[in-house]
């Protein structure tokens, strides 16, 4: 029983680390995309406080959705692997 609880904590830790990782990656990507789009269309970089807050909000939403979605699909696959009997080649 203790082993199962420890395994569950590790999985939740992996979920939170995955979400944090995706939020950081999305922030970097959206920041670079914003700078490139500003350079291409306006010829100058427009980094105001509002733009940075928008990037933080969007990257948090995208990172949380991506991390949670991938964790849910991994759990579904794990459950399917436990339920299905191994195939004999």
N, C-alpha and C. Protein backbone atom coordinates (compact mmCIF):
# COMPACT_ATOMS: atom_id res chain seq x y z
N UNK A 1 0.82 -1.19 0.00
CA UNK A 1 0.00 0.00 0.00
C UNK A 1 0.86 1.26 0.00
N UNK A 2 1.93 1.25 0.76
CA UNK A 2 2.82 2.40 0.82
C UNK A 2 3.49 2.63 -0.53
N UNK A 3 3.85 1.53 -1.19
CA UNK A 3 4.50 1.65 -2.49
C UNK A 3 3.58 2.34 -3.50
N UNK A 4 2.30 2.01 -3.46
CA UNK A 4 1.34 2.61 -4.38
C UNK A 4 1.21 4.12 -4.13
N UNK A 5 1.18 4.53 -2.87
CA UNK A 5 1.08 5.95 -2.55
C UNK A 5 2.33 6.69 -3.00
N UNK A 6 3.49 6.08 -2.80
CA UNK A 6 4.74 6.71 -3.24
C UNK A 6 4.75 6.84 -4.76
N UNK A 7 4.30 5.82 -5.45
CA UNK A 7 4.25 5.85 -6.91
C UNK A 7 3.28 6.95 -7.38
N UNK A 8 2.17 7.12 -6.66
CA UNK A 8 1.21 8.15 -7.02
C UNK A 8 1.82 9.54 -6.83
N UNK A 9 2.58 9.74 -5.76
CA UNK A 9 3.22 11.03 -5.53
C UNK A 9 4.24 11.34 -6.62
N UNK A 10 4.96 10.34 -7.04
CA UNK A 10 5.92 10.56 -8.12
C UNK A 10 5.19 10.96 -9.39
N UNK A 11 4.07 10.32 -9.67
CA UNK A 11 3.31 10.68 -10.87
C UNK A 11 2.77 12.09 -10.79
N UNK A 12 2.30 12.52 -9.61
CA UNK A 12 1.83 13.89 -9.47
C UNK A 12 2.98 14.88 -9.59
N UNK A 13 4.15 14.51 -9.08
CA UNK A 13 5.33 15.36 -9.23
C UNK A 13 5.70 15.49 -10.70
N UNK A 14 5.62 14.40 -11.43
CA UNK A 14 5.92 14.44 -12.86
C UNK A 14 4.90 15.31 -13.59
N UNK A 15 3.63 15.25 -13.18
CA UNK A 15 2.60 16.10 -13.78
C UNK A 15 2.96 17.57 -13.59
N UNK A 16 3.27 17.97 -12.37
CA UNK A 16 3.57 19.38 -12.11
C UNK A 16 4.86 19.82 -12.80
N UNK A 17 5.86 18.95 -12.83
CA UNK A 17 7.10 19.30 -13.54
C UNK A 17 6.85 19.44 -15.04
N UNK A 18 6.01 18.57 -15.58
CA UNK A 18 5.68 18.66 -17.00
C UNK A 18 4.93 19.94 -17.33
N UNK A 19 4.02 20.33 -16.47
CA UNK A 19 3.26 21.57 -16.69
C UNK A 19 4.20 22.77 -16.60
N UNK A 20 5.07 22.80 -15.61
CA UNK A 20 6.01 23.91 -15.47
C UNK A 20 6.94 23.97 -16.68
N UNK A 21 7.42 22.83 -17.12
CA UNK A 21 8.31 22.77 -18.29
C UNK A 21 7.60 23.32 -19.53
N UNK A 22 6.35 22.90 -19.75
CA UNK A 22 5.61 23.37 -20.92
C UNK A 22 5.29 24.85 -20.83
N UNK A 23 5.00 25.36 -19.64
CA UNK A 23 4.74 26.79 -19.49
C UNK A 23 5.98 27.58 -19.86
N UNK A 24 7.15 27.14 -19.40
CA UNK A 24 8.40 27.84 -19.73
C UNK A 24 8.69 27.77 -21.22
N UNK A 25 8.51 26.59 -21.82
CA UNK A 25 8.75 26.45 -23.26
C UNK A 25 7.78 27.31 -24.08
N UNK A 26 6.51 27.32 -23.68
CA UNK A 26 5.53 28.15 -24.38
C UNK A 26 5.85 29.63 -24.23
N UNK A 27 6.29 30.04 -23.04
CA UNK A 27 6.65 31.44 -22.84
C UNK A 27 7.79 31.84 -23.78
N UNK A 28 8.82 31.02 -23.86
CA UNK A 28 9.95 31.33 -24.74
C UNK A 28 9.49 31.39 -26.20
N UNK A 29 8.67 30.41 -26.61
CA UNK A 29 8.20 30.38 -27.99
C UNK A 29 7.34 31.60 -28.31
N UNK A 30 6.37 31.92 -27.45
CA UNK A 30 5.49 33.05 -27.71
C UNK A 30 6.24 34.37 -27.64
N UNK A 31 7.23 34.47 -26.78
CA UNK A 31 8.04 35.68 -26.69
C UNK A 31 8.81 35.90 -27.98
N UNK A 32 9.46 34.85 -28.46
CA UNK A 32 10.22 34.94 -29.72
C UNK A 32 9.28 35.24 -30.88
N UNK A 33 8.12 34.58 -30.90
CA UNK A 33 7.16 34.81 -31.98
C UNK A 33 6.66 36.25 -31.97
N UNK A 34 6.41 36.80 -30.79
CA UNK A 34 5.95 38.18 -30.69
C UNK A 34 7.01 39.15 -31.20
N UNK A 35 8.25 38.91 -30.84
CA UNK A 35 9.34 39.78 -31.28
C UNK A 35 9.50 39.71 -32.80
N UNK A 36 9.47 38.51 -33.36
CA UNK A 36 9.64 38.34 -34.80
C UNK A 36 8.47 38.98 -35.56
N UNK A 37 7.25 38.78 -35.08
CA UNK A 37 6.09 39.37 -35.75
C UNK A 37 6.16 40.90 -35.71
N UNK A 38 6.55 41.44 -34.55
CA UNK A 38 6.70 42.90 -34.47
C UNK A 38 7.78 43.41 -35.42
N UNK A 39 8.88 42.71 -35.51
CA UNK A 39 9.96 43.14 -36.42
C UNK A 39 9.54 43.08 -37.87
N UNK A 40 8.81 42.03 -38.25
CA UNK A 40 8.42 41.86 -39.65
C UNK A 40 7.37 42.90 -40.05
N UNK A 41 6.37 43.13 -39.22
CA UNK A 41 5.26 43.98 -39.63
C UNK A 41 5.43 45.45 -39.24
N UNK A 42 6.13 45.73 -38.15
CA UNK A 42 6.27 47.12 -37.71
C UNK A 42 7.69 47.64 -37.83
N UNK A 43 8.65 46.76 -37.93
CA UNK A 43 10.05 47.18 -38.03
C UNK A 43 10.69 47.51 -36.70
N UNK A 44 9.95 47.40 -35.62
CA UNK A 44 10.50 47.64 -34.29
C UNK A 44 9.85 46.67 -33.30
N UNK A 45 10.50 46.49 -32.17
CA UNK A 45 9.99 45.57 -31.15
C UNK A 45 9.16 46.36 -30.14
N UNK A 46 7.96 45.87 -29.87
CA UNK A 46 7.04 46.51 -28.95
C UNK A 46 6.84 45.60 -27.75
N UNK A 47 7.66 45.77 -26.71
CA UNK A 47 7.55 44.94 -25.51
C UNK A 47 7.10 45.81 -24.33
N UNK A 48 5.80 45.98 -24.24
CA UNK A 48 5.25 46.72 -23.11
C UNK A 48 4.86 45.73 -22.02
N UNK A 49 4.48 46.27 -20.88
CA UNK A 49 4.06 45.42 -19.76
C UNK A 49 2.83 44.58 -20.15
N UNK A 50 1.92 45.16 -20.91
CA UNK A 50 0.71 44.45 -21.31
C UNK A 50 1.03 43.27 -22.24
N UNK A 51 1.97 43.47 -23.14
CA UNK A 51 2.36 42.39 -24.05
C UNK A 51 2.98 41.24 -23.28
N UNK A 52 3.84 41.55 -22.32
CA UNK A 52 4.49 40.50 -21.53
C UNK A 52 3.47 39.77 -20.66
N UNK A 53 2.52 40.50 -20.08
CA UNK A 53 1.47 39.85 -19.29
C UNK A 53 0.61 38.95 -20.17
N UNK A 54 0.29 39.40 -21.38
CA UNK A 54 -0.47 38.56 -22.31
C UNK A 54 0.29 37.29 -22.66
N UNK A 55 1.59 37.41 -22.87
CA UNK A 55 2.41 36.24 -23.18
C UNK A 55 2.44 35.27 -21.99
N UNK A 56 2.55 35.80 -20.78
CA UNK A 56 2.55 34.95 -19.59
C UNK A 56 1.22 34.21 -19.45
N UNK A 57 0.11 34.91 -19.65
CA UNK A 57 -1.21 34.29 -19.52
C UNK A 57 -1.41 33.20 -20.56
N UNK A 58 -1.08 33.50 -21.80
CA UNK A 58 -1.27 32.53 -22.88
C UNK A 58 -0.36 31.32 -22.69
N UNK A 59 0.88 31.54 -22.29
CA UNK A 59 1.79 30.42 -22.09
C UNK A 59 1.37 29.56 -20.90
N UNK A 60 0.81 30.18 -19.86
CA UNK A 60 0.31 29.40 -18.72
C UNK A 60 -0.87 28.53 -19.12
N UNK A 61 -1.79 29.09 -19.89
CA UNK A 61 -2.95 28.31 -20.35
C UNK A 61 -2.50 27.18 -21.26
N UNK A 62 -1.64 27.48 -22.22
CA UNK A 62 -1.19 26.45 -23.16
C UNK A 62 -0.36 25.38 -22.46
N UNK A 63 0.52 25.78 -21.56
CA UNK A 63 1.36 24.82 -20.86
C UNK A 63 0.55 23.93 -19.93
N UNK A 64 -0.41 24.51 -19.23
CA UNK A 64 -1.24 23.71 -18.33
C UNK A 64 -2.11 22.73 -19.11
N UNK A 65 -2.70 23.20 -20.20
CA UNK A 65 -3.54 22.32 -21.01
C UNK A 65 -2.73 21.20 -21.65
N UNK A 66 -1.57 21.53 -22.18
CA UNK A 66 -0.72 20.51 -22.80
C UNK A 66 -0.19 19.51 -21.80
N UNK A 67 0.27 19.98 -20.66
CA UNK A 67 0.80 19.07 -19.64
C UNK A 67 -0.27 18.18 -19.06
N UNK A 68 -1.42 18.75 -18.75
CA UNK A 68 -2.52 17.96 -18.19
C UNK A 68 -3.05 16.97 -19.23
N UNK A 69 -3.17 17.40 -20.46
CA UNK A 69 -3.65 16.50 -21.51
C UNK A 69 -2.71 15.33 -21.75
N UNK A 70 -1.43 15.59 -21.81
CA UNK A 70 -0.49 14.50 -22.03
C UNK A 70 -0.46 13.55 -20.85
N UNK A 71 -0.62 14.08 -19.63
CA UNK A 71 -0.64 13.22 -18.44
C UNK A 71 -1.89 12.34 -18.44
N UNK A 72 -3.04 12.91 -18.83
CA UNK A 72 -4.28 12.13 -18.89
C UNK A 72 -4.16 11.01 -19.92
N UNK A 73 -3.63 11.31 -21.10
CA UNK A 73 -3.47 10.28 -22.11
C UNK A 73 -2.48 9.20 -21.68
N UNK A 74 -1.43 9.58 -20.95
CA UNK A 74 -0.49 8.59 -20.44
C UNK A 74 -1.17 7.69 -19.41
N UNK A 75 -2.01 8.26 -18.56
CA UNK A 75 -2.75 7.45 -17.60
C UNK A 75 -3.72 6.50 -18.29
N UNK A 76 -4.38 6.97 -19.35
CA UNK A 76 -5.29 6.10 -20.10
C UNK A 76 -4.53 4.95 -20.73
N UNK A 77 -3.38 5.24 -21.33
CA UNK A 77 -2.56 4.18 -21.92
C UNK A 77 -2.07 3.20 -20.86
N UNK A 78 -1.70 3.72 -19.70
CA UNK A 78 -1.24 2.86 -18.60
C UNK A 78 -2.35 1.93 -18.14
N UNK A 79 -3.55 2.45 -18.04
CA UNK A 79 -4.69 1.64 -17.62
C UNK A 79 -5.03 0.59 -18.68
N UNK A 80 -4.96 0.96 -19.97
CA UNK A 80 -5.23 -0.01 -21.04
C UNK A 80 -4.19 -1.11 -21.05
N UNK A 81 -2.93 -0.76 -20.78
CA UNK A 81 -1.86 -1.77 -20.76
C UNK A 81 -2.06 -2.76 -19.62
N UNK A 82 -2.59 -2.30 -18.49
CA UNK A 82 -2.85 -3.20 -17.37
C UNK A 82 -4.04 -4.11 -17.65
N UNK A 83 -5.04 -3.62 -18.35
CA UNK A 83 -6.26 -4.41 -18.59
C UNK A 83 -6.11 -5.42 -19.71
N UNK A 84 -5.37 -5.09 -20.75
CA UNK A 84 -5.30 -6.00 -21.90
C UNK A 84 -4.25 -7.08 -21.63
N UNK A 85 -4.59 -8.34 -21.97
CA UNK A 85 -3.62 -9.43 -21.78
C UNK A 85 -2.54 -9.33 -22.85
N UNK A 86 -1.33 -9.79 -22.52
CA UNK A 86 -0.26 -9.73 -23.53
C UNK A 86 -0.57 -10.65 -24.70
N UNK A 87 -0.26 -10.19 -25.88
CA UNK A 87 -0.53 -10.98 -27.08
C UNK A 87 0.61 -11.98 -27.32
N UNK A 88 0.25 -13.14 -27.85
CA UNK A 88 1.24 -14.19 -28.10
C UNK A 88 1.57 -14.18 -29.59
N UNK A 89 2.79 -13.86 -29.97
CA UNK A 89 3.12 -13.78 -31.40
C UNK A 89 3.18 -15.08 -32.08
